[in-house]
Amino acid sequence: MRGAMRAGLAGILLGSIACSNVIVGTEGRPQSVPLRLRGTPPDATVTIDDQRVGSLALVAARGMRVAPGKHRVTVEAAGFLPFDAAIEAKDAVVALDVKLVPVPD
């Protein structure tokens, strides 16, 4: 019994490995699109689609890739008004220049 289970599991694993690079419905479309952010302050927090991705300095240095489609990019830091942008990633690099404005006194 163990041998049959082991052979069946091996077949499933090998089958999934053999098919791991097949993605249905994406022919001719990019699987991800580069997103480039730069700006200040460097310690601001970058959020994409309500998921925190890191500091503005880190994202600017490393870059990001997003799936094609519509996304919401938010950049926030204490003492600054938030930056919020709706973007649509298609097939070209999406570049955003973020300069947070201090909260008025």
PDB file of N, CA and C in Angstrom:
ATOM      1  N   MET A   1       0.818  -1.193   0.000  1.00  0.00           N
ATOM      2  CA  MET A   1       0.000   0.000   0.000  1.00  0.00           C
ATOM      3  C   MET A   1       0.864   1.261   0.000  1.00  0.00           C
ATOM      4  N   ARG A   2       1.897   1.250   0.852  1.00  0.00           N
ATOM      5  CA  ARG A   2       2.772   2.422   0.891  1.00  0.00           C
ATOM      6  C   ARG A   2       3.438   2.664  -0.459  1.00  0.00           C
ATOM      7  N   GLY A   3       3.866   1.593  -1.104  1.00  0.00           N
ATOM      8  CA  GLY A   3       4.508   1.731  -2.409  1.00  0.00           C
ATOM      9  C   GLY A   3       3.571   2.342  -3.434  1.00  0.00           C
ATOM     10  N   ALA A   4       2.305   1.933  -3.427  1.00  0.00           N
ATOM     11  CA  ALA A   4       1.325   2.476  -4.366  1.00  0.00           C
ATOM     12  C   ALA A   4       1.074   3.952  -4.077  1.00  0.00           C
ATOM     13  N   MET A   5       0.982   4.303  -2.780  1.00  0.00           N
ATOM     14  CA  MET A   5       0.767   5.713  -2.421  1.00  0.00           C
ATOM     15  C   MET A   5       1.965   6.558  -2.826  1.00  0.00           C
ATOM     16  N   ARG A   6       3.164   6.018  -2.581  1.00  0.00           N
ATOM     17  CA  ARG A   6       4.385   6.742  -2.925  1.00  0.00           C
ATOM     18  C   ARG A   6       4.469   6.945  -4.441  1.00  0.00           C
ATOM     19  N   ALA A   7       4.149   5.917  -5.220  1.00  0.00           N
ATOM     20  CA  ALA A   7       4.179   6.016  -6.681  1.00  0.00           C
ATOM     21  C   ALA A   7       3.134   7.005  -7.181  1.00  0.00           C
ATOM     22  N   GLY A   8       1.951   6.971  -6.557  1.00  0.00           N
ATOM     23  CA  GLY A   8       0.910   7.914  -6.963  1.00  0.00           C
ATOM     24  C   GLY A   8       1.298   9.343  -6.664  1.00  0.00           C
ATOM     25  N   LEU A   9       1.879   9.560  -5.483  1.00  0.00           N
ATOM     26  CA  LEU A   9       2.334  10.899  -5.102  1.00  0.00           C
ATOM     27  C   LEU A   9       3.447  11.371  -6.018  1.00  0.00           C
ATOM     28  N   ALA A  10       4.376  10.491  -6.351  1.00  0.00           N
ATOM     29  CA  ALA A  10       5.462  10.849  -7.265  1.00  0.00           C
ATOM     30  C   ALA A  10       4.904  11.244  -8.627  1.00  0.00           C
ATOM     31  N   GLY A  11       3.891  10.511  -9.103  1.00  0.00           N
ATOM     32  CA  GLY A  11       3.278  10.845 -10.390  1.00  0.00           C
ATOM     33  C   GLY A  11       2.615  12.211 -10.366  1.00  0.00           C
ATOM     34  N   ILE A  12       1.946  12.518  -9.252  1.00  0.00           N
ATOM     35  CA  ILE A  12       1.303  13.825  -9.126  1.00  0.00           C
ATOM     36  C   ILE A  12       2.345  14.921  -9.105  1.00  0.00           C
ATOM     37  N   LEU A  13       3.412  14.735  -8.315  1.00  0.00           N
ATOM     38  CA  LEU A  13       4.467  15.745  -8.237  1.00  0.00           C
ATOM     39  C   LEU A  13       5.147  15.943  -9.577  1.00  0.00           C
ATOM     40  N   LEU A  14       5.484  14.851 -10.258  1.00  0.00           N
ATOM     41  CA  LEU A  14       6.122  14.971 -11.563  1.00  0.00           C
ATOM     42  C   LEU A  14       5.193  15.619 -12.577  1.00  0.00           C
ATOM     43  N   GLY A  15       3.924  15.298 -12.520  1.00  0.00           N
ATOM     44  CA  GLY A  15       2.960  15.914 -13.427  1.00  0.00           C
ATOM     45  C   GLY A  15       2.847  17.409 -13.194  1.00  0.00           C
ATOM     46  N   SER A  16       2.846  17.817 -11.932  1.00  0.00           N
ATOM     47  CA  SER A  16       2.734  19.247 -11.651  1.00  0.00           C
ATOM     48  C   SER A  16       4.010  19.977 -12.025  1.00  0.00           C
ATOM     49  N   ILE A  17       5.167  19.322 -11.856  1.00  0.00           N
ATOM     50  CA  ILE A  17       6.422  19.949 -12.249  1.00  0.00           C
ATOM     51  C   ILE A  17       6.471  20.105 -13.757  1.00  0.00           C
ATOM     52  N   ALA A  18       6.036  19.103 -14.475  1.00  0.00           N
ATOM     53  CA  ALA A  18       6.082  19.154 -15.934  1.00  0.00           C
ATOM     54  C   ALA A  18       5.166  20.235 -16.488  1.00  0.00           C
ATOM     55  N   CYS A  19       4.093  20.565 -15.781  1.00  0.00           N
ATOM     56  CA  CYS A  19       3.126  21.544 -16.268  1.00  0.00           C
ATOM     57  C   CYS A  19       3.235  22.888 -15.571  1.00  0.00           C
ATOM     58  N   SER A  20       4.280  23.107 -14.763  1.00  0.00           N
ATOM     59  CA  SER A  20       4.334  24.310 -13.936  1.00  0.00           C
ATOM     60  C   SER A  20       4.439  25.609 -14.723  1.00  0.00           C
ATOM     61  N   ASN A  21       4.916  25.585 -15.951  1.00  0.00           N
ATOM     62  CA  ASN A  21       5.057  26.824 -16.695  1.00  0.00           C
ATOM     63  C   ASN A  21       3.925  27.054 -17.699  1.00  0.00           C
ATOM     64  N   VAL A  22       2.886  26.272 -17.650  1.00  0.00           N
ATOM     65  CA  VAL A  22       1.747  26.443 -18.553  1.00  0.00           C
ATOM     66  C   VAL A  22       0.699  27.300 -17.855  1.00  0.00           C
ATOM     67  N   ILE A  23       0.403  28.452 -18.446  1.00  0.00           N
ATOM     68  CA  ILE A  23      -0.612  29.337 -17.883  1.00  0.00           C
ATOM     69  C   ILE A  23      -1.683  29.539 -18.942  1.00  0.00           C
ATOM     70  N   VAL A  24      -2.880  29.173 -18.618  1.00  0.00           N
ATOM     71  CA  VAL A  24      -3.984  29.227 -19.565  1.00  0.00           C
ATOM     72  C   VAL A  24      -4.504  30.654 -19.693  1.00  0.00           C
ATOM     73  N   GLY A  25      -4.793  31.080 -20.909  1.00  0.00           N
ATOM     74  CA  GLY A  25      -5.451  32.367 -21.131  1.00  0.00           C
ATOM     75  C   GLY A  25      -4.540  33.574 -21.118  1.00  0.00           C
ATOM     76  N   THR A  26      -3.222  33.396 -21.162  1.00  0.00           N
ATOM     77  CA  THR A  26      -2.326  34.550 -21.127  1.00  0.00           C
ATOM     78  C   THR A  26      -1.497  34.686 -22.400  1.00  0.00           C
ATOM     79  N   GLU A  27      -1.832  33.935 -23.417  1.00  0.00           N
ATOM     80  CA  GLU A  27      -1.058  34.001 -24.645  1.00  0.00           C
ATOM     81  C   GLU A  27      -1.067  35.418 -25.197  1.00  0.00           C
ATOM     82  N   GLY A  28       0.131  35.967 -25.445  1.00  0.00           N
ATOM     83  CA  GLY A  28       0.240  37.308 -25.996  1.00  0.00           C
ATOM     84  C   GLY A  28       0.135  38.416 -24.961  1.00  0.00           C
ATOM     85  N   ARG A  29      -0.181  38.081 -23.720  1.00  0.00           N
ATOM     86  CA  ARG A  29      -0.269  39.085 -22.655  1.00  0.00           C
ATOM     87  C   ARG A  29       0.898  38.898 -21.699  1.00  0.00           C
ATOM     88  N   PRO A  30       1.450  40.016 -21.184  1.00  0.00           N
ATOM     89  CA  PRO A  30       2.507  39.842 -20.193  1.00  0.00           C
ATOM     90  C   PRO A  30       1.930  39.267 -18.898  1.00  0.00           C
ATOM     91  N   GLN A  31       2.709  38.455 -18.212  1.00  0.00           N
ATOM     92  CA  GLN A  31       2.268  37.890 -16.947  1.00  0.00           C
ATOM     93  C   GLN A  31       2.445  38.886 -15.810  1.00  0.00           C
ATOM     94  N   SER A  32       3.372  39.837 -15.972  1.00  0.00           N
ATOM     95  CA  SER A  32       3.543  40.902 -15.000  1.00  0.00           C
ATOM     96  C   SER A  32       4.110  42.130 -15.705  1.00  0.00           C
ATOM     97  N   VAL A  33       3.886  43.269 -15.083  1.00  0.00           N
ATOM     98  CA  VAL A  33       4.287  44.550 -15.670  1.00  0.00           C
ATOM     99  C   VAL A  33       5.163  45.270 -14.647  1.00  0.00           C
ATOM    100  N   PRO A  34       6.292  45.861 -15.084  1.00  0.00           N
ATOM    101  CA  PRO A  34       7.144  46.588 -14.140  1.00  0.00           C
ATOM    102  C   PRO A  34       6.453  47.839 -13.605  1.00  0.00           C
ATOM    103  N   LEU A  35       6.606  48.069 -12.311  1.00  0.00           N
ATOM    104  CA  LEU A  35       6.108  49.270 -11.647  1.00  0.00           C
ATOM    105  C   LEU A  35       7.308  49.944 -11.003  1.00  0.00           C
ATOM    106  N   ARG A  36       7.587  51.172 -11.388  1.00  0.00           N
ATOM    107  CA  ARG A  36       8.731  51.922 -10.871  1.00  0.00           C
ATOM    108  C   ARG A  36       8.215  53.107 -10.070  1.00  0.00           C
ATOM    109  N   LEU A  37       8.641  53.206  -8.819  1.00  0.00           N
ATOM    110  CA  LEU A  37       8.294  54.331  -7.963  1.00  0.00           C
ATOM    111  C   LEU A  37       9.568  55.034  -7.535  1.00  0.00           C
ATOM    112  N   ARG A  38       9.486  56.338  -7.415  1.00  0.00           N
ATOM    113  CA  ARG A  38      10.576  57.105  -6.843  1.00  0.00           C
ATOM    114  C   ARG A  38       9.968  58.291  -6.138  1.00  0.00           C
ATOM    115  N   GLY A  39      10.678  58.849  -5.182  1.00  0.00           N
ATOM    116  CA  GLY A  39      10.151  60.014  -4.502  1.00  0.00           C
ATOM    117  C   GLY A  39      10.635  60.160  -3.079  1.00  0.00           C
ATOM    118  N   THR A  40       9.923  60.999  -2.344  1.00  0.00           N
ATOM    119  CA  THR A  40      10.282  61.312  -0.962  1.00  0.00           C
ATOM    120  C   THR A  40       9.028  61.343  -0.107  1.00  0.00           C
ATOM    121  N   PRO A  41       9.132  61.114   1.171  1.00  0.00           N
ATOM    122  CA  PRO A  41      10.316  60.728   1.947  1.00  0.00           C
ATOM    123  C   PRO A  41      10.631  59.249   1.762  1.00  0.00           C
ATOM    124  N   PRO A  42      11.895  58.872   1.860  1.00  0.00           N
ATOM    125  CA  PRO A  42      12.289  57.485   1.587  1.00  0.00           C
ATOM    126  C   PRO A  42      11.702  56.464   2.556  1.00  0.00           C
ATOM    127  N   ASP A  43      11.341  56.896   3.781  1.00  0.00           N
ATOM    128  CA  ASP A  43      10.804  55.942   4.752  1.00  0.00           C
ATOM    129  C   ASP A  43       9.280  55.799   4.674  1.00  0.00           C
ATOM    130  N   ALA A  44       8.658  56.413   3.673  1.00  0.00           N
ATOM    131  CA  ALA A  44       7.202  56.285   3.485  1.00  0.00           C
ATOM    132  C   ALA A  44       6.855  54.829   3.175  1.00  0.00           C
ATOM    133  N   THR A  45       5.662  54.421   3.553  1.00  0.00           N
ATOM    134  CA  THR A  45       5.197  53.050   3.338  1.00  0.00           C
ATOM    135  C   THR A  45       4.418  52.960   2.029  1.00  0.00           C
ATOM    136  N   VAL A  46       4.777  51.982   1.198  1.00  0.00           N
ATOM    137  CA  VAL A  46       4.095  51.751  -0.079  1.00  0.00           C
ATOM    138  C   VAL A  46       3.132  50.586   0.090  1.00  0.00           C
ATOM    139  N   THR A  47       1.900  50.798  -0.329  1.00  0.00           N
ATOM    140  CA  THR A  47       0.868  49.772  -0.288  1.00  0.00           C
ATOM    141  C   THR A  47       0.287  49.626  -1.689  1.00  0.00           C
ATOM    142  N   ILE A  48       0.168  48.387  -2.158  1.00  0.00           N
ATOM    143  CA  ILE A  48      -0.440  48.123  -3.461  1.00  0.00           C
ATOM    144  C   ILE A  48      -1.612  47.181  -3.243  1.00  0.00           C
ATOM    145  N   ASP A  49      -2.788  47.625  -3.661  1.00  0.00           N
ATOM    146  CA  ASP A  49      -4.009  46.824  -3.496  1.00  0.00           C
ATOM    147  C   ASP A  49      -4.184  46.360  -2.043  1.00  0.00           C
ATOM    148  N   ASP A  50      -4.002  47.296  -1.120  1.00  0.00           N
ATOM    149  CA  ASP A  50      -4.165  47.052   0.321  1.00  0.00           C
ATOM    150  C   ASP A  50      -3.150  46.065   0.895  1.00  0.00           C
ATOM    151  N   GLN A  51      -2.051  45.812   0.202  1.00  0.00           N
ATOM    152  CA  GLN A  51      -0.985  44.941   0.688  1.00  0.00           C
ATOM    153  C   GLN A  51       0.286  45.772   0.845  1.00  0.00           C
ATOM    154  N   ARG A  52       0.823  45.847   2.080  1.00  0.00           N
ATOM    155  CA  ARG A  52       2.046  46.603   2.324  1.00  0.00           C
ATOM    156  C   ARG A  52       3.201  45.895   1.621  1.00  0.00           C
ATOM    157  N   VAL A  53       3.980  46.666   0.830  1.00  0.00           N
ATOM    158  CA  VAL A  53       5.087  46.059   0.097  1.00  0.00           C
ATOM    159  C   VAL A  53       6.453  46.540   0.566  1.00  0.00           C
ATOM    160  N   GLY A  54       6.506  47.599   1.372  1.00  0.00           N
ATOM    161  CA  GLY A  54       7.794  48.059   1.885  1.00  0.00           C
ATOM    162  C   GLY A  54       7.913  49.564   1.866  1.00  0.00           C
ATOM    163  N   SER A  55       9.109  50.022   2.184  1.00  0.00           N
ATOM    164  CA  SER A  55       9.363  51.460   2.196  1.00  0.00           C
ATOM    165  C   SER A  55       9.527  51.975   0.766  1.00  0.00           C
ATOM    166  N   LEU A  56       9.339  53.263   0.608  1.00  0.00           N
ATOM    167  CA  LEU A  56       9.494  53.882  -0.716  1.00  0.00           C
ATOM    168  C   LEU A  56      10.931  53.709  -1.203  1.00  0.00           C
ATOM    169  N   ALA A  57      11.908  53.827  -0.301  1.00  0.00           N
ATOM    170  CA  ALA A  57      13.310  53.654  -0.694  1.00  0.00           C
ATOM    171  C   ALA A  57      13.566  52.235  -1.207  1.00  0.00           C
ATOM    172  N   LEU A  58      13.020  51.241  -0.523  1.00  0.00           N
ATOM    173  CA  LEU A  58      13.206  49.843  -0.937  1.00  0.00           C
ATOM    174  C   LEU A  58      12.535  49.576  -2.283  1.00  0.00           C
ATOM    175  N   VAL A  59      11.305  50.031  -2.431  1.00  0.00           N
ATOM    176  CA  VAL A  59      10.580  49.815  -3.687  1.00  0.00           C
ATOM    177  C   VAL A  59      11.265  50.550  -4.831  1.00  0.00           C
ATOM    178  N   ALA A  60      11.770  51.759  -4.567  1.00  0.00           N
ATOM    179  CA  ALA A  60      12.476  52.516  -5.609  1.00  0.00           C
ATOM    180  C   ALA A  60      13.761  51.807  -6.018  1.00  0.00           C
ATOM    181  N   ALA A  61      14.454  51.236  -5.053  1.00  0.00           N
ATOM    182  CA  ALA A  61      15.731  50.572  -5.351  1.00  0.00           C
ATOM    183  C   ALA A  61      15.544  49.241  -6.067  1.00  0.00           C
ATOM    184  N   ARG A  62      14.541  48.479  -5.664  1.00  0.00           N
ATOM    185  CA  ARG A  62      14.364  47.132  -6.206  1.00  0.00           C
ATOM    186  C   ARG A  62      13.347  47.043  -7.325  1.00  0.00           C
ATOM    187  N   GLY A  63      12.404  47.979  -7.371  1.00  0.00           N
ATOM    188  CA  GLY A  63      11.336  47.897  -8.360  1.00  0.00           C
ATOM    189  C   GLY A  63      10.296  46.875  -7.940  1.00  0.00           C
ATOM    190  N   MET A  64       9.205  46.846  -8.649  1.00  0.00           N
ATOM    191  CA  MET A  64       8.101  45.919  -8.379  1.00  0.00           C
ATOM    192  C   MET A  64       7.576  45.417  -9.711  1.00  0.00           C
ATOM    193  N   ARG A  65       6.839  44.333  -9.651  1.00  0.00           N
ATOM    194  CA  ARG A  65       6.091  43.845 -10.807  1.00  0.00           C
ATOM    195  C   ARG A  65       4.682  43.578 -10.335  1.00  0.00           C
ATOM    196  N   VAL A  66       3.720  43.963 -11.157  1.00  0.00           N
ATOM    197  CA  VAL A  66       2.320  43.735 -10.828  1.00  0.00           C
ATOM    198  C   VAL A  66       1.661  42.991 -11.977  1.00  0.00           C
ATOM    199  N   ALA A  67       0.583  42.303 -11.675  1.00  0.00           N
ATOM    200  CA  ALA A  67      -0.176  41.612 -12.711  1.00  0.00           C
ATOM    201  C   ALA A  67      -0.862  42.647 -13.602  1.00  0.00           C
ATOM    202  N   PRO A  68      -1.071  42.333 -14.864  1.00  0.00           N
ATOM    203  CA  PRO A  68      -1.813  43.256 -15.721  1.00  0.00           C
ATOM    204  C   PRO A  68      -3.188  43.535 -15.128  1.00  0.00           C
ATOM    205  N   GLY A  69      -3.645  44.765 -15.274  1.00  0.00           N
ATOM    206  CA  GLY A  69      -4.956  45.148 -14.753  1.00  0.00           C
ATOM    207  C   GLY A  69      -4.885  46.414 -13.919  1.00  0.00           C
ATOM    208  N   LYS A  70      -5.987  46.687 -13.234  1.00  0.00           N
ATOM    209  CA  LYS A  70      -6.092  47.903 -12.425  1.00  0.00           C
ATOM    210  C   LYS A  70      -5.586  47.641 -11.008  1.00  0.00           C
ATOM    211  N   HIS A  71      -4.881  48.631 -10.481  1.00  0.00           N
ATOM    212  CA  HIS A  71      -4.310  48.540  -9.139  1.00  0.00           C
ATOM    213  C   HIS A  71      -4.415  49.894  -8.447  1.00  0.00           C
ATOM    214  N   ARG A  72      -4.368  49.850  -7.119  1.00  0.00           N
ATOM    215  CA  ARG A  72      -4.365  51.067  -6.314  1.00  0.00           C
ATOM    216  C   ARG A  72      -3.033  51.134  -5.576  1.00  0.00           C
ATOM    217  N   VAL A  73      -2.305  52.230  -5.767  1.00  0.00           N
ATOM    218  CA  VAL A  73      -1.013  52.436  -5.126  1.00  0.00           C
ATOM    219  C   VAL A  73      -1.168  53.572  -4.121  1.00  0.00           C
ATOM    220  N   THR A  74      -0.801  53.288  -2.862  1.00  0.00           N
ATOM    221  CA  THR A  74      -0.879  54.285  -1.802  1.00  0.00           C
ATOM    222  C   THR A  74       0.491  54.406  -1.154  1.00  0.00           C
ATOM    223  N   VAL A  75       0.903  55.657  -0.888  1.00  0.00           N
ATOM    224  CA  VAL A  75       2.160  55.910  -0.201  1.00  0.00           C
ATOM    225  C   VAL A  75       1.833  56.826   0.974  1.00  0.00           C
ATOM    226  N   GLU A  76       2.249  56.409   2.185  1.00  0.00           N
ATOM    227  CA  GLU A  76       1.915  57.164   3.395  1.00  0.00           C
ATOM    228  C   GLU A  76       3.124  57.281   4.312  1.00  0.00           C
ATOM    229  N   ALA A  77       3.180  58.413   5.019  1.00  0.00           N
ATOM    230  CA  ALA A  77       4.210  58.618   6.043  1.00  0.00           C
ATOM    231  C   ALA A  77       3.644  59.566   7.088  1.00  0.00           C
ATOM    232  N   ALA A  78       4.059  59.381   8.331  1.00  0.00           N
ATOM    233  CA  ALA A  78       3.607  60.246   9.416  1.00  0.00           C
ATOM    234  C   ALA A  78       4.008  61.690   9.131  1.00  0.00           C
ATOM    235  N   GLY A  79       3.058  62.608   9.316  1.00  0.00           N
ATOM    236  CA  GLY A  79       3.321  64.026   9.099  1.00  0.00           C
ATOM    237  C   GLY A  79       3.133  64.493   7.669  1.00  0.00           C
ATOM    238  N   PHE A  80       2.687  63.585   6.786  1.00  0.00           N
ATOM    239  CA  PHE A  80       2.493  63.916   5.372  1.00  0.00           C
ATOM    240  C   PHE A  80       1.087  63.516   4.929  1.00  0.00           C
ATOM    241  N   LEU A  81       0.577  64.238   3.940  1.00  0.00           N
ATOM    242  CA  LEU A  81      -0.681  63.842   3.318  1.00  0.00           C
ATOM    243  C   LEU A  81      -0.427  62.596   2.481  1.00  0.00           C
ATOM    244  N   PRO A  82      -1.349  61.637   2.455  1.00  0.00           N
ATOM    245  CA  PRO A  82      -1.119  60.404   1.682  1.00  0.00           C
ATOM    246  C   PRO A  82      -1.187  60.651   0.177  1.00  0.00           C
ATOM    247  N   PHE A  83      -0.463  59.826  -0.561  1.00  0.00           N
ATOM    248  CA  PHE A  83      -0.502  59.807  -2.022  1.00  0.00           C
ATOM    249  C   PHE A  83      -1.292  58.574  -2.407  1.00  0.00           C
ATOM    250  N   ASP A  84      -2.242  58.737  -3.301  1.00  0.00           N
ATOM    251  CA  ASP A  84      -3.088  57.625  -3.715  1.00  0.00           C
ATOM    252  C   ASP A  84      -3.278  57.716  -5.221  1.00  0.00           C
ATOM    253  N   ALA A  85      -3.016  56.631  -5.931  1.00  0.00           N
ATOM    254  CA  ALA A  85      -3.164  56.636  -7.389  1.00  0.00           C
ATOM    255  C   ALA A  85      -3.788  55.331  -7.857  1.00  0.00           C
ATOM    256  N   ALA A  86      -4.693  55.455  -8.813  1.00  0.00           N
ATOM    257  CA  ALA A  86      -5.257  54.289  -9.500  1.00  0.00           C
ATOM    258  C   ALA A  86      -4.466  54.145 -10.797  1.00  0.00           C
ATOM    259  N   ILE A  87      -3.889  52.964 -11.010  1.00  0.00           N
ATOM    260  CA  ILE A  87      -3.102  52.727 -12.220  1.00  0.00           C
ATOM    261  C   ILE A  87      -3.691  51.551 -12.977  1.00  0.00           C
ATOM    262  N   GLU A  88      -3.367  51.495 -14.259  1.00  0.00           N
ATOM    263  CA  GLU A  88      -3.714  50.318 -15.052  1.00  0.00           C
ATOM    264  C   GLU A  88      -2.439  49.817 -15.708  1.00  0.00           C
ATOM    265  N   ALA A  89      -2.024  48.629 -15.314  1.00  0.00           N
ATOM    266  CA  ALA A  89      -0.829  48.012 -15.863  1.00  0.00           C
ATOM    267  C   ALA A  89      -1.219  47.263 -17.131  1.00  0.00           C
ATOM    268  N   LYS A  90      -0.573  47.616 -18.222  1.00  0.00           N
ATOM    269  CA  LYS A  90      -0.864  46.951 -19.498  1.00  0.00           C
ATOM    270  C   LYS A  90       0.375  46.191 -19.947  1.00  0.00           C
ATOM    271  N   ASP A  91       1.150  46.760 -20.861  1.00  0.00           N
ATOM    272  CA  ASP A  91       2.333  46.049 -21.341  1.00  0.00           C
ATOM    273  C   ASP A  91       3.600  46.891 -21.254  1.00  0.00           C
ATOM    274  N   ALA A  92       3.501  48.125 -20.751  1.00  0.00           N
ATOM    275  CA  ALA A  92       4.661  49.000 -20.627  1.00  0.00           C
ATOM    276  C   ALA A  92       4.921  49.292 -19.150  1.00  0.00           C
ATOM    277  N   VAL A  93       6.114  49.763 -18.864  1.00  0.00           N
ATOM    278  CA  VAL A  93       6.474  50.130 -17.497  1.00  0.00           C
ATOM    279  C   VAL A  93       5.530  51.214 -16.984  1.00  0.00           C
ATOM    280  N   VAL A  94       5.053  51.048 -15.747  1.00  0.00           N
ATOM    281  CA  VAL A  94       4.252  52.079 -15.089  1.00  0.00           C
ATOM    282  C   VAL A  94       5.198  52.801 -14.133  1.00  0.00           C
ATOM    283  N   ALA A  95       5.354  54.113 -14.309  1.00  0.00           N
ATOM    284  CA  ALA A  95       6.266  54.899 -13.475  1.00  0.00           C
ATOM    285  C   ALA A  95       5.479  55.947 -12.699  1.00  0.00           C
ATOM    286  N   LEU A  96       5.752  56.040 -11.396  1.00  0.00           N
ATOM    287  CA  LEU A  96       5.110  57.035 -10.549  1.00  0.00           C
ATOM    288  C   LEU A  96       6.181  57.820  -9.812  1.00  0.00           C
ATOM    289  N   ASP A  97       6.063  59.143  -9.839  1.00  0.00           N
ATOM    290  CA  ASP A  97       6.956  60.022  -9.091  1.00  0.00           C
ATOM    291  C   ASP A  97       6.161  60.533  -7.895  1.00  0.00           C
ATOM    292  N   VAL A  98       6.548  60.137  -6.689  1.00  0.00           N
ATOM    293  CA  VAL A  98       5.788  60.423  -5.477  1.00  0.00           C
ATOM    294  C   VAL A  98       6.542  61.450  -4.640  1.00  0.00           C
ATOM    295  N   LYS A  99       5.897  62.568  -4.374  1.00  0.00           N
ATOM    296  CA  LYS A  99       6.464  63.576  -3.484  1.00  0.00           C
ATOM    297  C   LYS A  99       5.389  63.932  -2.474  1.00  0.00           C
ATOM    298  N   LEU A 100       5.487  63.329  -1.288  1.00  0.00           N
ATOM    299  CA  LEU A 100       4.480  63.588  -0.271  1.00  0.00           C
ATOM    300  C   LEU A 100       4.579  65.026   0.226  1.00  0.00           C
ATOM    301  N   VAL A 101       3.425  65.605   0.483  1.00  0.00           N
ATOM    302  CA  VAL A 101       3.317  66.997   0.944  1.00  0.00           C
ATOM    303  C   VAL A 101       3.106  66.980   2.465  1.00  0.00           C
ATOM    304  N   PRO A 102       3.911  67.785   3.187  1.00  0.00           N
ATOM    305  CA  PRO A 102       3.716  67.825   4.642  1.00  0.00           C
ATOM    306  C   PRO A 102       2.310  68.297   5.017  1.00  0.00           C
ATOM    307  N   VAL A 103       1.796  67.774   6.132  1.00  0.00           N
ATOM    308  CA  VAL A 103       0.500  68.199   6.640  1.00  0.00           C
ATOM    309  C   VAL A 103       0.627  69.648   7.086  1.00  0.00           C
ATOM    310  N   PRO A 104      -0.272  70.535   6.634  1.00  0.00           N
ATOM    311  CA  PRO A 104      -0.185  71.933   7.051  1.00  0.00           C
ATOM    312  C   PRO A 104      -0.444  72.071   8.559  1.00  0.00           C
ATOM    313  N   ASP A 105       0.193  73.065   9.174  1.00  0.00           N
ATOM    314  CA  ASP A 105      -0.001  73.304  10.613  1.00  0.00           C
ATOM    315  C   ASP A 105      -1.368  73.821  10.933  1.00  0.00           C
TER     316      ASP A 105
END
